[in-house]
Protein backbone atom coordinates (compact mmCIF):
# COMPACT_ATOMS: atom_id res chain seq x y z
CA MET A 1 -8.55 -35.86 2.33
CA ASP A 2 -11.91 -36.35 0.60
CA THR A 3 -13.14 -34.12 -2.22
CA THR A 4 -15.57 -32.16 -0.04
CA ASN A 5 -12.91 -31.31 2.53
CA MET A 6 -10.44 -30.34 -0.19
CA THR A 7 -12.85 -27.92 -1.90
CA ASN A 8 -13.61 -26.40 1.50
CA HIS A 9 -9.89 -25.97 2.19
CA LEU A 10 -9.35 -24.29 -1.17
CA ALA A 11 -12.26 -21.93 -0.58
CA VAL A 12 -10.81 -20.98 2.82
CA ILE A 13 -7.44 -20.31 1.18
CA ALA A 14 -9.09 -18.14 -1.47
CA THR A 15 -10.93 -16.03 1.09
CA ASN A 16 -8.22 -15.80 3.74
CA ARG A 17 -4.83 -16.06 2.02
CA PHE A 18 -5.71 -14.13 -1.11
CA GLY A 19 -8.68 -12.22 0.26
CA MET A 20 -8.71 -10.14 3.43
CA GLY A 21 -10.69 -12.69 5.44
CA ALA A 22 -13.92 -14.57 4.87
CA ARG A 23 -17.32 -13.02 5.47
CA ASP A 24 -20.23 -15.23 6.44
CA HIS A 25 -21.19 -16.20 2.87
CA GLU A 26 -17.90 -16.18 1.00
CA ILE A 27 -16.57 -19.68 1.61
CA LYS A 28 -19.77 -21.11 0.10
CA GLU A 29 -19.48 -18.74 -2.86
CA ALA A 30 -15.83 -19.62 -3.50
CA GLN A 31 -16.23 -23.38 -3.03
CA SER A 32 -17.29 -24.35 -6.54
CA ASP A 33 -14.40 -22.52 -8.27
CA PRO A 34 -11.93 -20.79 -5.90
CA GLN A 35 -9.61 -19.63 -8.69
CA GLY A 36 -12.47 -18.32 -10.80
CA TRP A 37 -13.93 -16.59 -7.74
CA LEU A 38 -10.64 -14.75 -7.21
CA GLY A 39 -10.58 -13.81 -10.89
CA THR A 40 -13.73 -11.74 -10.35
CA HIS A 41 -11.81 -9.64 -7.79
CA LEU A 42 -9.34 -8.24 -10.32
CA ILE A 43 -11.03 -4.86 -10.63
CA SER A 44 -9.81 -1.52 -9.32
CA PRO A 45 -11.05 -0.82 -5.79
CA ALA A 46 -13.83 1.75 -5.58
CA LEU A 47 -12.94 4.77 -3.42
CA ASP A 48 -14.89 7.78 -2.18
CA ASN A 49 -14.37 10.33 -4.94
CA SER A 50 -16.00 13.08 -2.90
CA LEU A 51 -12.90 13.34 -0.71
CA PRO A 52 -10.24 15.95 -1.60
CA ASP A 53 -7.68 15.16 -4.27
CA SER A 54 -3.95 15.86 -4.00
CA TRP A 55 -4.30 19.31 -5.53
CA ALA A 56 -6.96 20.29 -2.98
CA VAL A 57 -4.68 19.05 -0.20
CA ILE A 58 -1.74 21.07 -1.55
CA ASN A 59 -3.95 24.16 -1.76
CA GLN A 60 -5.20 23.59 1.76
CA TYR A 61 -1.65 23.38 3.06
CA ALA A 62 -0.58 26.46 1.08
CA GLU A 63 -3.33 28.45 2.81
CA PHE A 64 -2.09 27.21 6.17
CA ARG A 65 1.48 28.23 5.32
CA ALA A 66 0.34 31.67 4.15
CA ILE A 67 -1.34 32.29 7.50
CA LYS A 68 1.78 31.15 9.36
CA ASN A 69 4.02 33.40 7.28
CA ALA A 70 1.69 36.33 7.94
CA GLU A 71 2.07 35.70 11.65
CA LYS A 72 5.86 35.86 11.34
CA SER A 73 5.45 39.30 9.76
CA GLY A 74 3.95 40.58 12.97
CA GLN A 75 0.29 40.09 12.24
CA LYS A 76 -2.11 38.71 14.82
CA PRO A 77 -1.21 35.05 15.54
CA GLY A 78 -3.77 32.33 15.03
CA ASN A 79 -4.34 28.98 16.65
CA GLN A 80 -1.94 26.66 14.82
CA ASN A 81 -3.60 23.49 16.10
CA ALA A 82 -6.97 24.74 14.90
CA MET A 83 -5.50 25.58 11.49
CA MET A 84 -3.94 22.12 11.17
CA ALA A 85 -7.13 20.34 12.25
CA PRO A 86 -8.67 20.20 8.74
CA LEU A 87 -5.46 18.66 7.36
CA ARG A 88 -5.39 16.02 10.11
CA ARG A 89 -9.06 15.30 9.52
CA THR A 90 -8.37 14.81 5.80
CA TYR A 91 -5.70 12.22 6.68
CA PHE A 92 -8.16 10.30 8.86
CA GLN A 93 -10.85 10.50 6.17
CA PHE A 94 -8.53 8.95 3.60
CA CYS A 95 -7.36 6.20 5.96
CA SER A 96 -10.88 5.47 7.16
CA ASP A 97 -12.22 5.25 3.62
CA THR A 98 -9.79 2.55 2.49
CA LEU A 99 -10.02 0.67 5.78
CA THR A 100 -13.81 0.49 5.99
CA ARG A 101 -14.16 -0.30 2.29
CA SER A 102 -11.72 -3.19 2.56
CA ILE A 103 -13.83 -4.49 5.46
CA SER A 104 -17.10 -4.38 3.54
CA SER A 105 -15.83 -5.19 0.02
CA GLU A 106 -17.07 -8.17 -1.98
CA HIS A 107 -13.72 -8.12 -3.83
CA SER A 108 -11.27 -8.13 -0.95
CA PHE A 109 -8.38 -9.61 -2.96
CA SER A 110 -8.21 -6.32 -4.87
CA TRP A 111 -7.85 -4.49 -1.56
CA ARG A 112 -5.01 -6.80 -0.51
CA LEU A 113 -3.24 -5.95 -3.76
CA LEU A 114 -3.84 -2.24 -3.21
CA ASP A 115 -2.29 -2.56 0.25
CA PHE A 116 0.66 -4.45 -1.22
CA PHE A 117 1.50 -1.90 -3.90
CA SER A 118 0.84 1.00 -1.54
CA ASN A 119 3.48 -0.47 0.76
CA HIS A 120 5.76 -1.28 -2.18
CA PHE A 121 5.66 2.41 -3.18
CA SER A 122 5.78 3.56 0.42
CA VAL A 123 5.37 7.23 1.32
CA SER A 124 5.09 8.30 4.96
CA ALA A 125 2.57 10.71 6.43
CA GLN A 126 5.13 12.73 8.34
CA GLY A 127 5.30 16.50 8.47
CA GLY A 128 2.59 19.04 7.85
CA LEU A 129 1.92 18.48 4.15
CA MET A 130 2.77 14.79 3.86
CA ALA A 131 0.21 13.75 6.50
CA PRO A 132 -2.81 14.42 4.26
CA LEU A 133 -0.92 14.10 0.97
CA ALA A 134 0.60 10.62 1.42
CA PRO A 135 -2.74 8.73 1.15
CA THR A 136 -3.54 10.39 -2.18
CA LEU A 137 -0.77 8.38 -3.88
CA GLU A 138 -2.63 5.07 -3.60
CA ARG A 139 -5.93 6.71 -4.50
CA GLU A 140 -4.80 8.58 -7.60
CA ALA A 141 -1.79 6.66 -8.94
CA ILE A 142 -1.98 3.08 -7.64
CA ALA A 143 -5.66 2.09 -7.54
CA PRO A 144 -6.45 3.20 -11.14
CA ASN A 145 -3.41 1.28 -12.48
CA LEU A 146 -3.61 -1.79 -10.25
CA PHE A 147 -4.43 -4.26 -13.03
CA GLY A 148 -2.86 -2.55 -16.04
CA SER A 149 0.78 -2.38 -17.09
CA PHE A 150 3.43 -1.97 -14.43
CA ALA A 151 4.98 0.72 -16.64
CA ASP A 152 1.84 2.86 -16.40
CA LEU A 153 1.70 2.27 -12.65
CA LEU A 154 5.38 3.17 -12.23
CA VAL A 155 5.12 6.40 -14.21
CA ALA A 156 1.93 7.43 -12.39
CA VAL A 157 3.57 6.83 -9.01
CA GLU A 158 6.90 8.55 -9.71
CA THR A 159 5.23 11.66 -11.16
CA HIS A 160 2.67 11.97 -8.37
CA PRO A 161 3.08 14.97 -6.03
CA ALA A 162 3.20 12.76 -2.94
CA MET A 163 6.21 10.78 -4.21
CA LEU A 164 8.01 13.79 -5.67
CA ILE A 165 7.69 15.76 -2.43
CA TYR A 166 8.37 12.81 -0.12
CA LEU A 167 11.68 12.03 -1.82
CA ASP A 168 12.65 15.67 -2.38
CA ASN A 169 12.65 15.64 -6.16
CA GLU A 170 10.37 18.63 -6.66
CA LYS A 171 13.32 20.97 -6.01
CA SER A 172 16.05 18.90 -7.69
CA ILE A 173 18.11 21.06 -10.04
CA GLY A 174 20.55 19.81 -12.66
CA PRO A 175 24.10 21.07 -12.02
CA ASP A 176 24.38 22.44 -15.57
CA SER A 177 20.77 23.50 -15.97
CA ARG A 178 19.77 27.02 -16.92
CA GLN A 179 18.48 27.61 -13.39
CA ALA A 180 21.74 26.44 -11.80
CA ASN A 181 23.79 28.66 -14.13
CA TYR A 182 21.58 31.65 -13.36
CA LEU A 183 21.96 31.13 -9.62
CA LYS A 184 25.75 30.80 -9.98
CA LYS A 185 25.91 34.10 -11.82
CA LYS A 186 23.87 35.75 -9.09
CA ALA A 187 26.04 34.09 -6.42
CA LYS A 188 22.94 32.54 -4.91
CA LYS A 189 22.77 29.18 -3.17
CA THR A 190 21.00 26.32 -4.89
CA ARG A 191 19.73 23.02 -3.54
CA GLY A 192 21.41 21.18 -6.39
CA MET A 193 20.51 17.73 -7.66
CA ASN A 194 18.79 15.25 -5.37
CA GLU A 195 19.32 11.51 -5.94
CA ASN A 196 16.76 10.18 -3.43
CA LEU A 197 13.97 9.39 -5.88
CA ALA A 198 16.30 7.88 -8.49
CA ARG A 199 17.90 5.63 -5.86
CA GLU A 200 14.57 4.36 -4.54
CA ILE A 201 13.21 3.81 -8.05
CA LEU A 202 16.04 1.38 -8.75
CA GLU A 203 16.53 -0.11 -5.29
CA LEU A 204 12.92 -0.43 -4.09
CA HIS A 205 10.44 0.18 -6.89
CA THR A 206 11.93 -1.74 -9.82
CA MET A 207 15.14 -3.79 -9.93
CA GLY A 208 15.78 -4.36 -6.24
CA VAL A 209 18.97 -3.85 -4.27
CA ASN A 210 20.70 -6.73 -6.10
CA GLY A 211 19.32 -5.82 -9.52
CA GLY A 212 22.66 -5.15 -11.15
CA TYR A 213 22.61 -1.35 -11.45
CA GLN A 214 25.58 0.83 -10.48
CA LEU A 215 26.01 4.19 -8.75
CA GLU A 216 26.41 5.78 -12.17
CA ASP A 217 22.95 4.50 -13.15
CA ILE A 218 21.42 6.20 -10.09
CA GLN A 219 23.17 9.45 -10.93
CA GLU A 220 22.15 9.33 -14.57
CA LEU A 221 18.53 8.62 -13.68
CA ALA A 222 18.61 11.44 -11.14
CA LYS A 223 19.77 13.81 -13.88
CA ALA A 224 17.04 12.59 -16.23
CA ILE A 225 14.31 13.45 -13.71
CA THR A 226 15.65 16.85 -12.67
CA GLY A 227 12.87 19.33 -13.31
CA TRP A 228 10.18 16.81 -12.33
CA SER A 229 8.31 18.95 -9.86
CA VAL A 230 4.94 19.96 -8.44
CA ALA A 231 2.88 23.02 -9.32
CA ARG A 232 2.65 25.67 -6.60
CA PRO A 233 -0.80 27.11 -5.88
CA GLU A 234 0.49 30.60 -5.11
CA LYS A 235 2.23 30.77 -8.50
CA GLU A 236 -0.83 29.70 -10.52
CA GLU A 237 1.20 27.11 -12.39
CA GLY A 238 -1.61 24.64 -13.03
CA HIS A 239 -1.91 21.64 -10.77
CA GLY A 240 -0.17 18.36 -10.00
CA PHE A 241 2.97 17.27 -11.84
CA LEU A 242 4.94 20.07 -13.45
CA PHE A 243 8.09 19.82 -15.58
CA ARG A 244 10.40 22.73 -14.85
CA GLU A 245 12.54 22.83 -17.99
CA ARG A 246 14.93 25.43 -16.56
CA ALA A 247 15.88 22.99 -13.76
CA HIS A 248 16.41 20.01 -16.08
CA GLN A 249 19.96 18.75 -16.61
CA PRO A 250 20.61 18.99 -20.37
CA GLY A 251 22.15 16.22 -22.42
CA GLN A 252 21.71 12.56 -23.16
CA ARG A 253 21.71 10.01 -20.33
CA ASN A 254 23.13 6.50 -20.17
CA VAL A 255 21.28 4.10 -17.87
CA LEU A 256 22.07 0.36 -17.74
CA GLY A 257 24.07 0.63 -20.93
CA LYS A 258 21.35 2.31 -22.99
CA THR A 259 21.57 5.89 -24.23
CA TYR A 260 18.55 8.18 -23.91
CA PRO A 261 18.48 11.45 -25.91
CA ASP A 262 17.50 14.68 -24.18
CA THR A 263 13.77 14.85 -24.79
CA GLY A 264 12.90 16.98 -21.77
CA ALA A 265 10.24 15.61 -19.47
CA SER A 266 9.85 12.39 -21.46
CA GLN A 267 13.52 11.44 -21.04
CA GLY A 268 12.88 10.20 -17.50
CA GLU A 269 9.59 8.57 -18.44
CA THR A 270 11.25 6.58 -21.23
CA ILE A 271 13.82 5.26 -18.75
CA LEU A 272 11.06 4.27 -16.32
CA ARG A 273 9.18 2.37 -19.00
CA ASP A 274 12.31 0.42 -19.87
CA LEU A 275 12.94 -0.33 -16.19
CA ALA A 276 9.38 -1.63 -15.88
CA VAL A 277 10.04 -4.46 -18.33
CA HIS A 278 13.62 -5.22 -17.27
CA PRO A 279 14.13 -8.89 -16.23
CA ALA A 280 15.44 -7.80 -12.81
CA THR A 281 12.26 -5.78 -12.19
CA ALA A 282 10.08 -8.67 -13.33
CA ARG A 283 11.93 -10.98 -10.94
CA TYR A 284 12.02 -8.64 -7.96
CA VAL A 285 8.40 -7.48 -7.99
CA SER A 286 7.12 -11.00 -8.76
CA TRP A 287 9.13 -12.34 -5.81
CA LYS A 288 7.81 -9.62 -3.50
CA LEU A 289 4.23 -10.26 -4.56
CA ALA A 290 4.58 -14.03 -4.06
CA ARG A 291 6.23 -13.45 -0.70
CA HIS A 292 3.36 -11.22 0.37
CA ILE A 293 0.61 -13.61 -0.65
CA ILE A 294 2.06 -17.10 -0.22
CA SER A 295 5.12 -17.45 1.99
CA ASP A 296 8.08 -15.58 3.46
CA GLN A 297 10.15 -17.91 1.26
CA PRO A 298 8.05 -18.16 -1.91
CA PRO A 299 8.52 -21.20 -4.18
CA ALA A 300 11.13 -20.54 -6.86
CA ASP A 301 9.02 -22.18 -9.58
CA LEU A 302 6.11 -19.88 -8.80
CA VAL A 303 8.32 -16.79 -9.04
CA ASP A 304 9.83 -18.14 -12.28
CA LYS A 305 6.39 -18.49 -13.86
CA MET A 306 5.33 -15.01 -12.73
CA GLN A 307 8.53 -13.50 -14.11
CA GLU A 308 8.06 -15.34 -17.38
CA GLN A 309 4.53 -13.99 -17.75
CA TRP A 310 5.73 -10.50 -16.83
CA LEU A 311 8.29 -10.50 -19.63
CA LYS A 312 5.86 -12.15 -22.07
CA THR A 313 3.15 -9.51 -21.47
CA SER A 314 5.43 -6.48 -20.92
CA GLY A 315 4.48 -6.30 -17.26
CA ASN A 316 0.71 -6.76 -17.47
CA LEU A 317 -0.12 -7.00 -13.76
CA LYS A 318 -3.47 -8.72 -14.23
CA GLU A 319 -1.78 -11.48 -16.23
CA VAL A 320 1.02 -11.87 -13.67
CA ILE A 321 -1.46 -12.02 -10.78
CA THR A 322 -3.52 -14.59 -12.70
CA VAL A 323 -0.42 -16.83 -12.88
CA LEU A 324 -0.10 -16.44 -9.11
CA ILE A 325 -3.73 -17.47 -8.64
CA GLN A 326 -3.52 -20.48 -10.94
CA HIS A 327 -0.19 -21.90 -9.80
CA PRO A 328 -0.63 -25.06 -7.65
CA GLN A 329 2.06 -23.96 -5.18
CA SER A 330 -0.09 -21.01 -4.19
CA TRP A 331 -2.64 -23.41 -2.72
CA GLN A 332 -0.67 -25.46 -0.20
CA ILE A 333 -2.78 -26.23 2.87
CA GLU A 334 -0.22 -25.03 5.41
CA GLN A 335 -0.72 -21.44 6.54
CA GLN A 336 2.71 -19.84 6.14
CA LYS A 337 1.99 -16.15 6.72
CA LEU A 338 1.22 -14.42 10.02
CA LYS A 339 -1.33 -11.68 9.44
CA THR A 340 0.00 -8.16 9.80
CA PRO A 341 -1.94 -5.95 12.24
CA ARG A 342 -3.91 -4.43 9.36
CA GLU A 343 -4.76 -7.84 7.91
CA PHE A 344 -5.76 -9.12 11.34
CA LEU A 345 -7.98 -6.14 12.14
CA VAL A 346 -9.71 -6.21 8.75
CA SER A 347 -10.29 -9.98 8.92
CA VAL A 348 -11.77 -9.70 12.44
CA CYS A 349 -14.12 -6.96 11.29
CA ARG A 350 -15.12 -8.94 8.21
CA ALA A 351 -15.73 -12.06 10.27
CA THR A 352 -17.85 -10.20 12.83
CA ASP A 353 -19.85 -8.30 10.21
CA GLY A 354 -18.20 -4.94 9.96
CA VAL A 355 -17.46 -2.30 12.54
CA SER A 356 -18.73 -2.45 16.10
CA PRO A 357 -22.46 -1.57 16.09
CA ARG A 358 -22.37 0.05 19.52
CA LYS A 359 -20.51 3.04 18.10
CA LYS A 360 -23.18 5.22 16.49
CA ASN A 361 -20.96 7.75 14.72
CA ARG A 362 -19.36 6.19 11.64
CA GLU A 363 -16.45 8.64 11.63
CA GLN A 364 -15.71 7.77 15.26
CA GLN A 365 -15.86 4.07 14.40
CA SER A 366 -13.35 4.34 11.60
CA ARG A 367 -11.08 6.72 13.52
CA MET A 368 -11.03 4.18 16.33
CA LEU A 369 -9.84 1.50 13.89
CA VAL A 370 -7.11 3.76 12.50
CA ASN A 371 -5.94 4.51 16.04
CA THR A 372 -5.96 0.78 16.79
CA LEU A 373 -3.59 0.15 13.89
CA THR A 374 -1.31 2.86 15.25
CA ALA A 375 -1.31 1.16 18.66
CA MET A 376 -0.46 -2.14 16.94
CA GLY A 377 2.56 -0.56 15.24
CA HIS A 378 0.96 -0.48 11.78
CA LYS A 379 -0.16 3.13 11.41
CA PRO A 380 -1.45 3.86 7.90
CA PHE A 381 1.36 5.52 5.92
CA GLY A 382 3.50 5.40 9.04
CA ALA A 383 6.39 3.16 8.00
CA GLY A 384 8.77 6.10 8.18
CA SER A 385 10.85 4.67 5.35
CA PRO A 386 10.60 4.36 1.55
CA ALA A 387 11.08 0.62 2.11
CA GLY A 388 7.64 0.40 3.73
CA TYR A 389 6.57 -1.96 6.49
CA ALA A 390 8.25 -5.35 6.79
CA ASP A 391 6.39 -8.12 4.97
CA ILE A 392 7.62 -11.17 6.87
CA SER A 393 6.02 -12.90 9.84
CA SER A 394 8.95 -12.36 12.22
CA ALA A 395 8.36 -8.61 12.07
CA TRP A 396 4.94 -8.99 13.71
CA ASP A 397 5.23 -11.90 16.15
CA GLY A 398 6.85 -10.15 19.12
CA SER A 399 5.28 -10.62 22.54
CA ASP A 400 4.25 -6.97 22.91
CA ALA A 401 2.64 -6.96 19.48
CA LEU A 402 0.66 -10.12 20.22
CA LEU A 403 -0.43 -8.81 23.63
CA THR A 404 -1.78 -5.70 21.93
CA ARG A 405 -3.82 -7.92 19.58
CA ILE A 406 -5.17 -9.93 22.49
CA ASP A 407 -6.19 -6.82 24.41
CA TRP A 408 -7.91 -5.24 21.40
CA THR A 409 -9.67 -8.49 20.43
CA ASN A 410 -11.14 -8.92 23.92
CA ARG A 411 -12.41 -5.33 23.91
CA TRP A 412 -13.76 -5.74 20.37
CA VAL A 413 -15.69 -8.87 21.31
CA GLU A 414 -17.15 -7.08 24.34
CA SER A 415 -18.37 -4.25 22.10
CA LEU A 416 -20.37 -6.50 19.80
CA LYS A 417 -24.07 -6.01 20.28
CA LYS A 418 -25.06 -8.94 18.09
CA ARG A 419 -24.83 -12.37 19.69
CA VAL A 420 -22.29 -14.36 17.73
CA ASP A 421 -21.94 -18.12 18.12
CA PRO A 422 -18.22 -18.93 17.92
CA LEU A 423 -18.71 -22.46 16.52
CA THR A 424 -20.95 -21.19 13.74
CA LEU A 425 -18.54 -18.37 12.99
CA MET A 426 -15.70 -20.88 12.91
CA ASP A 427 -17.41 -22.85 10.18
CA THR A 428 -18.31 -19.82 8.08
CA THR A 429 -14.86 -18.20 8.22
CA LEU A 430 -12.37 -21.07 8.53
CA GLY A 431 -14.33 -24.21 7.66
CA GLU A 432 -12.30 -27.41 7.60
CA GLN A 433 -9.04 -25.56 8.17
CA MET A 434 -9.75 -25.39 11.90
CA ALA A 435 -7.73 -28.05 13.75
CA SER A 436 -9.60 -30.49 16.00
CA ASP A 437 -7.71 -29.29 19.10
CA SER A 438 -8.77 -25.70 18.47
CA ARG A 439 -12.35 -26.80 17.90
CA THR A 440 -12.33 -28.59 21.23
CA ILE A 441 -10.88 -25.63 23.13
CA ILE A 442 -13.36 -23.17 21.63
CA GLY A 443 -16.26 -25.57 22.18
CA ARG A 444 -15.40 -25.78 25.89
CA ALA A 445 -15.27 -22.01 26.42
CA GLU A 446 -17.17 -20.75 29.46
CA SER A 447 -19.11 -18.18 27.45
CA ARG A 448 -19.85 -17.11 23.89
CA GLN A 449 -17.64 -14.08 24.43
CA GLN A 450 -14.69 -16.16 25.58
CA GLY A 451 -15.23 -18.65 22.75
CA LEU A 452 -15.28 -15.83 20.20
CA SER A 453 -12.04 -14.37 21.57
CA LEU A 454 -10.41 -17.80 21.47
CA LEU A 455 -11.49 -18.22 17.85
CA LEU A 456 -10.17 -14.85 16.71
CA LEU A 457 -6.89 -15.40 18.53
CA SER A 458 -6.44 -19.00 17.40
CA PRO A 459 -3.38 -19.90 15.27
CA GLU A 460 -5.70 -20.77 12.39
CA PHE A 461 -7.30 -17.29 12.41
CA MET A 462 -4.07 -15.39 13.09
CA ARG A 463 -2.37 -17.00 10.09
CA ARG A 464 -3.32 -17.26 6.44
């Protein structure tokens, strides 16, 4: 392969494997220095700060609950669907904001990383409060810490209201806490200690299922984070994270062979910060990140180098990601990842210059895209599990899933008002990576519309 073709290939890899799909100018921009071009993307994604924050969402839901409780007391009933409408609209606003910004961004690699860590720290938009609250986790805890230390990211995530409520820690009470003893004396029932968050911290967020921790470590961590809760609007307790000292299990904790004195709220945080720099965490998260970007079976040497940098820099994510960018095994020509529905939809929109211009209302446009992801089985914050959506190609290559992509792509192409030449678009989005057979098939299409559909559904476009 000559030098010109190789630089074109590397630019395509930069924009499509690392980025969320090439826009019409990006391959040319990336061609001179693909790695350096990606380095400019390592900045926190910009989000719409005018949208409600988690505290506003919690307040909004508290008002809804107050009205419902009033109804149960015999007062005049209201329209529950109408009362829930603002909360559902907030969910769509959050999802639409991240989706449309990832489509238009000049730094799409940062949006891929935001998607990765949002799925890594998965919370599901299920139930009345979690629907609008789940998206605030990536906006308030993940995006601001995307390129800092993993320890800061981990602490921000685990103390965020969305995570605490999703994994039932906000009401976790230590068995020997002052609150538990009070309830025992009054012969009142108590929810007791909940181990959900502690288990997922170790199994999913840090060390991984084979990380070497024991059941006792889960239980000790669960005790350390008893009292980690969320302020209640009706109680005027402040806002966001709240440490309820009366619910905290007293005493020192022993996690992974290390003893942590009882320092109240900071006891759990100290454990998290140690977990963030543990070799098993460095290995597991590096492996997951390499698997997401490069291959379902990432090269062992690449993961080794990422882990080494993690431990050397105490989990500096920007430094670890830079190793991923600069490693030669990240740049193999073969496309080894099938795009997830979200990646596919975003890359189609980027390639065809944003959202369909025939839809005049921007909110309707973005809501349509969110609904499309739902139809494709990739609803935003809809994994339904703390493990998040599957991140391997076999999870997305079923016949029904591919038929849904084909149907949507054909309708999308029909909706485009602007005349798009498929051969020109092929060169600006895939360059030399397009196989000669695919070029021939697309060139022989009976119409521009058919040629464009064939391009967007080609193996080269569907993979990265």
